[in-house]
Amino acid sequence: MNDPHFSEIWPLVEHWFDSKESAWRWYTEEQIIGFGRKTPKELVDEQGSQGVHEIEKFIKSKNLGGFE
């Protein structure tokens, strides 16, 4: 969990999970259909700050009831 991008994303998803470890598993293992089945971490690793921005938009959409 020593990923600087996860540190940016964690506060946005903290309320989704029981623990930081569960959020880390989502970040590193959950394939998101809208991102070509990439995990949030894969997207961020490939796109850097643009990937973080895309994940933030995804999180905001999910919080508003959006789908993948």
PDB file of N, CA and C in Angstrom:
ATOM      1  N   MET A   1       0.825  -1.206   0.000  1.00  0.00           N
ATOM      2  CA  MET A   1       0.000   0.000   0.000  1.00  0.00           C
ATOM      3  C   MET A   1       0.856   1.251   0.000  1.00  0.00           C
ATOM      4  N   ASN A   2       2.063   1.090  -0.467  1.00  0.00           N
ATOM      5  CA  ASN A   2       2.981   2.215  -0.505  1.00  0.00           C
ATOM      6  C   ASN A   2       2.976   2.851  -1.888  1.00  0.00           C
ATOM      7  N   ASP A   3       1.804   3.110  -2.416  1.00  0.00           N
ATOM      8  CA  ASP A   3       1.620   3.645  -3.753  1.00  0.00           C
ATOM      9  C   ASP A   3       1.093   5.070  -3.624  1.00  0.00           C
ATOM     10  N   PRO A   4       1.822   6.057  -4.139  1.00  0.00           N
ATOM     11  CA  PRO A   4       1.376   7.453  -3.963  1.00  0.00           C
ATOM     12  C   PRO A   4       0.015   7.723  -4.610  1.00  0.00           C
ATOM     13  N   HIS A   5      -0.299   7.030  -5.693  1.00  0.00           N
ATOM     14  CA  HIS A   5      -1.595   7.242  -6.336  1.00  0.00           C
ATOM     15  C   HIS A   5      -2.726   6.668  -5.490  1.00  0.00           C
ATOM     16  N   PHE A   6      -2.480   5.541  -4.840  1.00  0.00           N
ATOM     17  CA  PHE A   6      -3.494   4.972  -3.956  1.00  0.00           C
ATOM     18  C   PHE A   6      -3.791   5.951  -2.822  1.00  0.00           C
ATOM     19  N   SER A   7      -2.781   6.652  -2.368  1.00  0.00           N
ATOM     20  CA  SER A   7      -2.978   7.642  -1.299  1.00  0.00           C
ATOM     21  C   SER A   7      -3.948   8.739  -1.731  1.00  0.00           C
ATOM     22  N   GLU A   8      -3.959   9.053  -3.028  1.00  0.00           N
ATOM     23  CA  GLU A   8      -4.900  10.052  -3.552  1.00  0.00           C
ATOM     24  C   GLU A   8      -6.313   9.472  -3.661  1.00  0.00           C
ATOM     25  N   ILE A   9      -6.395   8.209  -4.020  1.00  0.00           N
ATOM     26  CA  ILE A   9      -7.684   7.569  -4.276  1.00  0.00           C
ATOM     27  C   ILE A   9      -8.348   7.075  -2.994  1.00  0.00           C
ATOM     28  N   TRP A  10      -7.567   6.637  -2.033  1.00  0.00           N
ATOM     29  CA  TRP A  10      -8.088   6.070  -0.781  1.00  0.00           C
ATOM     30  C   TRP A  10      -9.161   6.936  -0.122  1.00  0.00           C
ATOM     31  N   PRO A  11      -8.950   8.240   0.053  1.00  0.00           N
ATOM     32  CA  PRO A  11      -9.995   9.036   0.728  1.00  0.00           C
ATOM     33  C   PRO A  11     -11.330   9.039  -0.022  1.00  0.00           C
ATOM     34  N   LEU A  12     -11.287   8.825  -1.328  1.00  0.00           N
ATOM     35  CA  LEU A  12     -12.510   8.837  -2.123  1.00  0.00           C
ATOM     36  C   LEU A  12     -13.309   7.540  -2.013  1.00  0.00           C
ATOM     37  N   VAL A  13     -12.634   6.441  -1.657  1.00  0.00           N
ATOM     38  CA  VAL A  13     -13.313   5.135  -1.586  1.00  0.00           C
ATOM     39  C   VAL A  13     -13.355   4.565  -0.174  1.00  0.00           C
ATOM     40  N   GLU A  14     -12.819   5.281   0.770  1.00  0.00           N
ATOM     41  CA  GLU A  14     -12.733   4.786   2.148  1.00  0.00           C
ATOM     42  C   GLU A  14     -14.084   4.289   2.655  1.00  0.00           C
ATOM     43  N   HIS A  15     -15.150   5.004   2.330  1.00  0.00           N
ATOM     44  CA  HIS A  15     -16.482   4.626   2.835  1.00  0.00           C
ATOM     45  C   HIS A  15     -17.054   3.391   2.129  1.00  0.00           C
ATOM     46  N   TRP A  16     -16.432   2.930   1.058  1.00  0.00           N
ATOM     47  CA  TRP A  16     -16.891   1.728   0.349  1.00  0.00           C
ATOM     48  C   TRP A  16     -16.436   0.440   1.033  1.00  0.00           C
ATOM     49  N   PHE A  17     -15.395   0.520   1.861  1.00  0.00           N
ATOM     50  CA  PHE A  17     -14.720  -0.680   2.341  1.00  0.00           C
ATOM     51  C   PHE A  17     -14.643  -0.730   3.859  1.00  0.00           C
ATOM     52  N   ASP A  18     -14.479  -1.956   4.379  1.00  0.00           N
ATOM     53  CA  ASP A  18     -14.332  -2.163   5.819  1.00  0.00           C
ATOM     54  C   ASP A  18     -12.923  -1.849   6.307  1.00  0.00           C
ATOM     55  N   SER A  19     -11.964  -1.907   5.390  1.00  0.00           N
ATOM     56  CA  SER A  19     -10.575  -1.696   5.789  1.00  0.00           C
ATOM     57  C   SER A  19      -9.775  -1.145   4.612  1.00  0.00           C
ATOM     58  N   LYS A  20      -8.636  -0.608   4.934  1.00  0.00           N
ATOM     59  CA  LYS A  20      -7.741  -0.117   3.890  1.00  0.00           C
ATOM     60  C   LYS A  20      -7.228  -1.285   3.042  1.00  0.00           C
ATOM     61  N   GLU A  21      -7.064  -2.440   3.663  1.00  0.00           N
ATOM     62  CA  GLU A  21      -6.618  -3.635   2.939  1.00  0.00           C
ATOM     63  C   GLU A  21      -7.643  -4.050   1.885  1.00  0.00           C
ATOM     64  N   SER A  22      -8.921  -3.972   2.223  1.00  0.00           N
ATOM     65  CA  SER A  22      -9.973  -4.297   1.253  1.00  0.00           C
ATOM     66  C   SER A  22      -9.966  -3.313   0.097  1.00  0.00           C
ATOM     67  N   ALA A  23      -9.756  -2.056   0.397  1.00  0.00           N
ATOM     68  CA  ALA A  23      -9.667  -1.042  -0.658  1.00  0.00           C
ATOM     69  C   ALA A  23      -8.445  -1.289  -1.540  1.00  0.00           C
ATOM     70  N   TRP A  24      -7.350  -1.701  -0.934  1.00  0.00           N
ATOM     71  CA  TRP A  24      -6.141  -2.008  -1.700  1.00  0.00           C
ATOM     72  C   TRP A  24      -6.397  -3.173  -2.660  1.00  0.00           C
ATOM     73  N   ARG A  25      -7.107  -4.191  -2.175  1.00  0.00           N
ATOM     74  CA  ARG A  25      -7.432  -5.317  -3.051  1.00  0.00           C
ATOM     75  C   ARG A  25      -8.285  -4.853  -4.232  1.00  0.00           C
ATOM     76  N   TRP A  26      -9.245  -3.974  -3.982  1.00  0.00           N
ATOM     77  CA  TRP A  26     -10.051  -3.426  -5.074  1.00  0.00           C
ATOM     78  C   TRP A  26      -9.138  -2.698  -6.065  1.00  0.00           C
ATOM     79  N   TYR A  27      -8.262  -1.864  -5.557  1.00  0.00           N
ATOM     80  CA  TYR A  27      -7.368  -1.052  -6.384  1.00  0.00           C
ATOM     81  C   TYR A  27      -6.445  -1.926  -7.233  1.00  0.00           C
ATOM     82  N   THR A  28      -5.990  -3.034  -6.693  1.00  0.00           N
ATOM     83  CA  THR A  28      -5.011  -3.862  -7.390  1.00  0.00           C
ATOM     84  C   THR A  28      -5.605  -5.065  -8.115  1.00  0.00           C
ATOM     85  N   GLU A  29      -6.861  -5.451  -7.802  1.00  0.00           N
ATOM     86  CA  GLU A  29      -7.407  -6.691  -8.349  1.00  0.00           C
ATOM     87  C   GLU A  29      -8.718  -6.540  -9.121  1.00  0.00           C
ATOM     88  N   GLU A  30      -9.485  -5.509  -8.850  1.00  0.00           N
ATOM     89  CA  GLU A  30     -10.811  -5.367  -9.473  1.00  0.00           C
ATOM     90  C   GLU A  30     -10.687  -4.855 -10.904  1.00  0.00           C
ATOM     91  N   GLN A  31     -11.063  -5.693 -11.841  1.00  0.00           N
ATOM     92  CA  GLN A  31     -11.039  -5.289 -13.248  1.00  0.00           C
ATOM     93  C   GLN A  31     -12.308  -4.509 -13.554  1.00  0.00           C
ATOM     94  N   ILE A  32     -12.138  -3.309 -14.084  1.00  0.00           N
ATOM     95  CA  ILE A  32     -13.268  -2.436 -14.367  1.00  0.00           C
ATOM     96  C   ILE A  32     -13.564  -2.500 -15.867  1.00  0.00           C
ATOM     97  N   ILE A  33     -14.766  -2.911 -16.190  1.00  0.00           N
ATOM     98  CA  ILE A  33     -15.157  -3.103 -17.584  1.00  0.00           C
ATOM     99  C   ILE A  33     -14.939  -1.832 -18.403  1.00  0.00           C
ATOM    100  N   GLY A  34     -15.328  -0.698 -17.854  1.00  0.00           N
ATOM    101  CA  GLY A  34     -15.215   0.570 -18.573  1.00  0.00           C
ATOM    102  C   GLY A  34     -13.785   0.988 -18.880  1.00  0.00           C
ATOM    103  N   PHE A  35     -12.836   0.353 -18.240  1.00  0.00           N
ATOM    104  CA  PHE A  35     -11.421   0.644 -18.490  1.00  0.00           C
ATOM    105  C   PHE A  35     -10.741  -0.532 -19.190  1.00  0.00           C
ATOM    106  N   GLY A  36     -11.516  -1.273 -19.979  1.00  0.00           N
ATOM    107  CA  GLY A  36     -10.960  -2.389 -20.720  1.00  0.00           C
ATOM    108  C   GLY A  36     -10.511  -3.537 -19.836  1.00  0.00           C
ATOM    109  N   ARG A  37     -11.247  -3.710 -18.725  1.00  0.00           N
ATOM    110  CA  ARG A  37     -10.953  -4.760 -17.736  1.00  0.00           C
ATOM    111  C   ARG A  37      -9.596  -4.567 -17.054  1.00  0.00           C
ATOM    112  N   LYS A  38      -9.148  -3.340 -17.001  1.00  0.00           N
ATOM    113  CA  LYS A  38      -7.929  -3.034 -16.245  1.00  0.00           C
ATOM    114  C   LYS A  38      -8.317  -2.732 -14.808  1.00  0.00           C
ATOM    115  N   THR A  39      -7.395  -2.999 -13.907  1.00  0.00           N
ATOM    116  CA  THR A  39      -7.606  -2.607 -12.515  1.00  0.00           C
ATOM    117  C   THR A  39      -7.323  -1.112 -12.401  1.00  0.00           C
ATOM    118  N   PRO A  40      -7.825  -0.479 -11.345  1.00  0.00           N
ATOM    119  CA  PRO A  40      -7.468   0.927 -11.156  1.00  0.00           C
ATOM    120  C   PRO A  40      -5.950   1.135 -11.142  1.00  0.00           C
ATOM    121  N   LYS A  41      -5.222   0.239 -10.496  1.00  0.00           N
ATOM    122  CA  LYS A  41      -3.770   0.379 -10.434  1.00  0.00           C
ATOM    123  C   LYS A  41      -3.139   0.280 -11.818  1.00  0.00           C
ATOM    124  N   GLU A  42      -3.602  -0.654 -12.638  1.00  0.00           N
ATOM    125  CA  GLU A  42      -3.063  -0.773 -13.991  1.00  0.00           C
ATOM    126  C   GLU A  42      -3.303   0.507 -14.785  1.00  0.00           C
ATOM    127  N   LEU A  43      -4.495   1.061 -14.670  1.00  0.00           N
ATOM    128  CA  LEU A  43      -4.812   2.297 -15.377  1.00  0.00           C
ATOM    129  C   LEU A  43      -3.897   3.432 -14.921  1.00  0.00           C
ATOM    130  N   VAL A  44      -3.717   3.550 -13.625  1.00  0.00           N
ATOM    131  CA  VAL A  44      -2.867   4.603 -13.084  1.00  0.00           C
ATOM    132  C   VAL A  44      -1.401   4.377 -13.463  1.00  0.00           C
ATOM    133  N   ASP A  45      -0.949   3.130 -13.417  1.00  0.00           N
ATOM    134  CA  ASP A  45       0.434   2.838 -13.803  1.00  0.00           C
ATOM    135  C   ASP A  45       0.682   3.206 -15.263  1.00  0.00           C
ATOM    136  N   GLU A  46      -0.301   2.975 -16.124  1.00  0.00           N
ATOM    137  CA  GLU A  46      -0.155   3.276 -17.547  1.00  0.00           C
ATOM    138  C   GLU A  46      -0.294   4.762 -17.860  1.00  0.00           C
ATOM    139  N   GLN A  47      -1.214   5.435 -17.161  1.00  0.00           N
ATOM    140  CA  GLN A  47      -1.560   6.809 -17.546  1.00  0.00           C
ATOM    141  C   GLN A  47      -1.161   7.876 -16.534  1.00  0.00           C
ATOM    142  N   GLY A  48      -0.615   7.483 -15.410  1.00  0.00           N
ATOM    143  CA  GLY A  48      -0.163   8.458 -14.418  1.00  0.00           C
ATOM    144  C   GLY A  48      -1.305   9.316 -13.903  1.00  0.00           C
ATOM    145  N   SER A  49      -1.089  10.624 -13.861  1.00  0.00           N
ATOM    146  CA  SER A  49      -2.092  11.522 -13.281  1.00  0.00           C
ATOM    147  C   SER A  49      -3.397  11.509 -14.071  1.00  0.00           C
ATOM    148  N   GLN A  50      -3.328  11.269 -15.387  1.00  0.00           N
ATOM    149  CA  GLN A  50      -4.564  11.151 -16.174  1.00  0.00           C
ATOM    150  C   GLN A  50      -5.358   9.922 -15.724  1.00  0.00           C
ATOM    151  N   GLY A  51      -4.658   8.835 -15.407  1.00  0.00           N
ATOM    152  CA  GLY A  51      -5.324   7.643 -14.892  1.00  0.00           C
ATOM    153  C   GLY A  51      -5.989   7.902 -13.555  1.00  0.00           C
ATOM    154  N   VAL A  52      -5.315   8.647 -12.689  1.00  0.00           N
ATOM    155  CA  VAL A  52      -5.904   9.024 -11.398  1.00  0.00           C
ATOM    156  C   VAL A  52      -7.179   9.821 -11.644  1.00  0.00           C
ATOM    157  N   HIS A  53      -7.119  10.753 -12.577  1.00  0.00           N
ATOM    158  CA  HIS A  53      -8.293  11.574 -12.910  1.00  0.00           C
ATOM    159  C   HIS A  53      -9.449  10.693 -13.404  1.00  0.00           C
ATOM    160  N   GLU A  54      -9.146   9.715 -14.251  1.00  0.00           N
ATOM    161  CA  GLU A  54     -10.182   8.810 -14.752  1.00  0.00           C
ATOM    162  C   GLU A  54     -10.800   7.982 -13.621  1.00  0.00           C
ATOM    163  N   ILE A  55      -9.973   7.504 -12.711  1.00  0.00           N
ATOM    164  CA  ILE A  55     -10.482   6.741 -11.566  1.00  0.00           C
ATOM    165  C   ILE A  55     -11.334   7.640 -10.674  1.00  0.00           C
ATOM    166  N   GLU A  56     -10.920   8.874 -10.471  1.00  0.00           N
ATOM    167  CA  GLU A  56     -11.712   9.810  -9.665  1.00  0.00           C
ATOM    168  C   GLU A  56     -13.084  10.025 -10.296  1.00  0.00           C
ATOM    169  N   LYS A  57     -13.132  10.184 -11.610  1.00  0.00           N
ATOM    170  CA  LYS A  57     -14.421  10.350 -12.303  1.00  0.00           C
ATOM    171  C   LYS A  57     -15.276   9.094 -12.145  1.00  0.00           C
ATOM    172  N   PHE A  58     -14.661   7.924 -12.243  1.00  0.00           N
ATOM    173  CA  PHE A  58     -15.373   6.662 -12.059  1.00  0.00           C
ATOM    174  C   PHE A  58     -15.969   6.589 -10.646  1.00  0.00           C
ATOM    175  N   ILE A  59     -15.181   6.929  -9.650  1.00  0.00           N
ATOM    176  CA  ILE A  59     -15.634   6.889  -8.254  1.00  0.00           C
ATOM    177  C   ILE A  59     -16.802   7.844  -8.046  1.00  0.00           C
ATOM    178  N   LYS A  60     -16.690   9.060  -8.562  1.00  0.00           N
ATOM    179  CA  LYS A  60     -17.772  10.043  -8.417  1.00  0.00           C
ATOM    180  C   LYS A  60     -19.047   9.528  -9.075  1.00  0.00           C
ATOM    181  N   SER A  61     -18.909   8.923 -10.248  1.00  0.00           N
ATOM    182  CA  SER A  61     -20.068   8.372 -10.942  1.00  0.00           C
ATOM    183  C   SER A  61     -20.721   7.254 -10.133  1.00  0.00           C
ATOM    184  N   LYS A  62     -19.897   6.349  -9.585  1.00  0.00           N
ATOM    185  CA  LYS A  62     -20.414   5.254  -8.758  1.00  0.00           C
ATOM    186  C   LYS A  62     -21.131   5.811  -7.509  1.00  0.00           C
ATOM    187  N   ASN A  63     -20.570   6.844  -6.931  1.00  0.00           N
ATOM    188  CA  ASN A  63     -21.184   7.439  -5.746  1.00  0.00           C
ATOM    189  C   ASN A  63     -22.540   8.048  -6.060  1.00  0.00           C
ATOM    190  N   LEU A  64     -22.730   8.442  -7.327  1.00  0.00           N
ATOM    191  CA  LEU A  64     -24.011   9.018  -7.750  1.00  0.00           C
ATOM    192  C   LEU A  64     -24.971   7.957  -8.286  1.00  0.00           C
ATOM    193  N   GLY A  65     -24.563   6.686  -8.190  1.00  0.00           N
ATOM    194  CA  GLY A  65     -25.427   5.600  -8.621  1.00  0.00           C
ATOM    195  C   GLY A  65     -25.152   5.100 -10.025  1.00  0.00           C
ATOM    196  N   GLY A  66     -24.058   5.535 -10.625  1.00  0.00           N
ATOM    197  CA  GLY A  66     -23.724   5.106 -11.984  1.00  0.00           C
ATOM    198  C   GLY A  66     -23.259   3.663 -12.028  1.00  0.00           C
ATOM    199  N   PHE A  67     -23.206   3.148 -13.225  1.00  0.00           N
ATOM    200  CA  PHE A  67     -22.767   1.783 -13.470  1.00  0.00           C
ATOM    201  C   PHE A  67     -21.429   1.805 -14.195  1.00  0.00           C
ATOM    202  N   GLU A  68     -20.800   0.621 -14.289  1.00  0.00           N
ATOM    203  CA  GLU A  68     -19.507   0.521 -14.960  1.00  0.00           C
ATOM    204  C   GLU A  68     -19.654   0.735 -16.434  1.00  0.00           C
TER     205      GLU A  68
END
